[in-house]
Amino acid sequence: MNQFKTLLLLSILPQKAALDERIRFDMIKIDGALASVWTPYSFYYNNKLSHCGVNVLLLILTNSGWKIQYVIDTRRKDNCL
């Protein structure tokens, strides 16, 4: 989950809420200084499945290492594994 979403959720959820995003790294493809990462996830709120989907990250290789350039995700409540 990106930092903005995390901060937003933390500002509106009860302080004792348990947030757990379980990510699987299914596919990583690299071509030179460009990489894409496909990560299906399941998101749990207070130990109960809330939703699932896929995160896709595009990374670029810089002089100081790999940096995330772009993140996009899907979200659904059915057909979760």
C-alpha atoms as a PDB file:
ATOM      1  CA  MET A   1       0.000   0.000   0.000  1.00  0.00           C
ATOM      2  CA  ASN A   2       1.426   3.375  -0.833  1.00  0.00           C
ATOM      3  CA  GLN A   3       2.274   5.867   1.909  1.00  0.00           C
ATOM      4  CA  PHE A   4      -0.677   8.198   1.186  1.00  0.00           C
ATOM      5  CA  LYS A   5      -3.211   5.354   1.459  1.00  0.00           C
ATOM      6  CA  THR A   6      -1.607   4.125   4.667  1.00  0.00           C
ATOM      7  CA  LEU A   7      -1.677   7.578   6.275  1.00  0.00           C
ATOM      8  CA  LEU A   8      -5.274   8.131   5.164  1.00  0.00           C
ATOM      9  CA  LEU A   9      -6.403   4.789   6.579  1.00  0.00           C
ATOM     10  CA  LEU A  10      -4.569   5.365   9.837  1.00  0.00           C
ATOM     11  CA  SER A  11      -6.252   8.754  10.218  1.00  0.00           C
ATOM     12  CA  ILE A  12      -9.808   7.360   9.897  1.00  0.00           C
ATOM     13  CA  LEU A  13      -9.547   3.864  11.401  1.00  0.00           C
ATOM     14  CA  PRO A  14      -9.697   2.998  15.089  1.00  0.00           C
ATOM     15  CA  GLN A  15      -6.232   3.018  16.669  1.00  0.00           C
ATOM     16  CA  LYS A  16      -6.427  -0.714  17.449  1.00  0.00           C
ATOM     17  CA  ALA A  17      -7.242  -1.702  13.859  1.00  0.00           C
ATOM     18  CA  ALA A  18      -4.956  -4.385  12.423  1.00  0.00           C
ATOM     19  CA  LEU A  19      -4.002  -3.802   8.770  1.00  0.00           C
ATOM     20  CA  ASP A  20      -2.240  -6.627   6.931  1.00  0.00           C
ATOM     21  CA  GLU A  21      -1.441  -6.607   3.196  1.00  0.00           C
ATOM     22  CA  ARG A  22      -0.123 -10.019   2.127  1.00  0.00           C
ATOM     23  CA  ILE A  23       1.836  -9.734  -1.121  1.00  0.00           C
ATOM     24  CA  ARG A  24       3.119 -12.444  -3.486  1.00  0.00           C
ATOM     25  CA  PHE A  25       5.859 -11.625  -5.975  1.00  0.00           C
ATOM     26  CA  ASP A  26       4.575 -13.604  -8.974  1.00  0.00           C
ATOM     27  CA  MET A  27       6.476 -11.984 -11.827  1.00  0.00           C
ATOM     28  CA  ILE A  28       9.492  -9.718 -12.118  1.00  0.00           C
ATOM     29  CA  LYS A  29      10.754  -8.749 -15.573  1.00  0.00           C
ATOM     30  CA  ILE A  30      13.925  -6.753 -16.185  1.00  0.00           C
ATOM     31  CA  ASP A  31      15.314  -5.251 -19.377  1.00  0.00           C
ATOM     32  CA  GLY A  32      18.371  -3.105 -18.768  1.00  0.00           C
ATOM     33  CA  ALA A  33      17.389  -0.186 -16.544  1.00  0.00           C
ATOM     34  CA  LEU A  34      13.640  -0.950 -16.613  1.00  0.00           C
ATOM     35  CA  ALA A  35      11.790  -3.476 -14.467  1.00  0.00           C
ATOM     36  CA  SER A  36       8.152  -4.397 -13.874  1.00  0.00           C
ATOM     37  CA  VAL A  37       6.852  -6.229 -10.824  1.00  0.00           C
ATOM     38  CA  TRP A  38       3.450  -7.992 -10.651  1.00  0.00           C
ATOM     39  CA  THR A  39       2.319  -8.646  -7.066  1.00  0.00           C
ATOM     40  CA  PRO A  40      -1.085 -10.164  -6.318  1.00  0.00           C
ATOM     41  CA  TYR A  41      -2.190  -9.288  -2.783  1.00  0.00           C
ATOM     42  CA  SER A  42      -4.843  -9.977  -0.153  1.00  0.00           C
ATOM     43  CA  PHE A  43      -5.696  -7.210   2.317  1.00  0.00           C
ATOM     44  CA  TYR A  44      -6.926  -8.082   5.809  1.00  0.00           C
ATOM     45  CA  TYR A  45      -8.583  -5.702   8.261  1.00  0.00           C
ATOM     46  CA  ASN A  46      -8.660  -6.985  11.841  1.00  0.00           C
ATOM     47  CA  ASN A  47      -7.723 -10.465  10.569  1.00  0.00           C
ATOM     48  CA  LYS A  48     -10.706 -10.579   8.177  1.00  0.00           C
ATOM     49  CA  LEU A  49     -10.249 -10.548   4.389  1.00  0.00           C
ATOM     50  CA  SER A  50     -11.304  -7.121   3.145  1.00  0.00           C
ATOM     51  CA  HIS A  51     -10.305  -7.229  -0.525  1.00  0.00           C
ATOM     52  CA  CYS A  52      -7.675  -8.460  -2.950  1.00  0.00           C
ATOM     53  CA  GLY A  53      -6.139  -7.475  -6.268  1.00  0.00           C
ATOM     54  CA  VAL A  54      -2.837  -6.869  -7.997  1.00  0.00           C
ATOM     55  CA  ASN A  55      -0.148  -4.222  -7.488  1.00  0.00           C
ATOM     56  CA  VAL A  56       1.996  -3.378 -10.522  1.00  0.00           C
ATOM     57  CA  LEU A  57       5.223  -1.451 -10.008  1.00  0.00           C
ATOM     58  CA  LEU A  58       7.498   0.011 -12.679  1.00  0.00           C
ATOM     59  CA  LEU A  59      11.068   0.602 -11.552  1.00  0.00           C
ATOM     60  CA  ILE A  60      14.063   2.342 -13.093  1.00  0.00           C
ATOM     61  CA  LEU A  61      17.708   1.696 -12.318  1.00  0.00           C
ATOM     62  CA  THR A  62      19.534   4.833 -11.208  1.00  0.00           C
ATOM     63  CA  ASN A  63      23.099   5.423 -10.069  1.00  0.00           C
ATOM     64  CA  SER A  64      21.894   4.864  -6.500  1.00  0.00           C
ATOM     65  CA  GLY A  65      19.911   1.685  -7.254  1.00  0.00           C
ATOM     66  CA  TRP A  66      16.380   0.674  -8.256  1.00  0.00           C
ATOM     67  CA  LYS A  67      13.682   3.321  -7.704  1.00  0.00           C
ATOM     68  CA  ILE A  68       9.919   2.942  -8.016  1.00  0.00           C
ATOM     69  CA  GLN A  69       8.717   5.184 -10.832  1.00  0.00           C
ATOM     70  CA  TYR A  70       5.039   4.201 -10.971  1.00  0.00           C
ATOM     71  CA  VAL A  71       2.516   2.144  -8.984  1.00  0.00           C
ATOM     72  CA  ILE A  72      -0.992   1.085  -9.997  1.00  0.00           C
ATOM     73  CA  ASP A  73      -3.324  -1.479  -8.462  1.00  0.00           C
ATOM     74  CA  THR A  74      -6.661  -3.227  -8.807  1.00  0.00           C
ATOM     75  CA  ARG A  75      -9.129  -3.970  -6.036  1.00  0.00           C
ATOM     76  CA  ARG A  76     -11.996  -6.448  -5.730  1.00  0.00           C
ATOM     77  CA  LYS A  77     -13.968  -8.225  -3.011  1.00  0.00           C
ATOM     78  CA  ASP A  78     -14.779 -11.441  -4.882  1.00  0.00           C
ATOM     79  CA  ASN A  79     -12.659 -14.231  -6.365  1.00  0.00           C
ATOM     80  CA  CYS A  80      -9.920 -13.713  -3.773  1.00  0.00           C
ATOM     81  CA  LEU A  81      -7.537 -16.585  -3.109  1.00  0.00           C
END
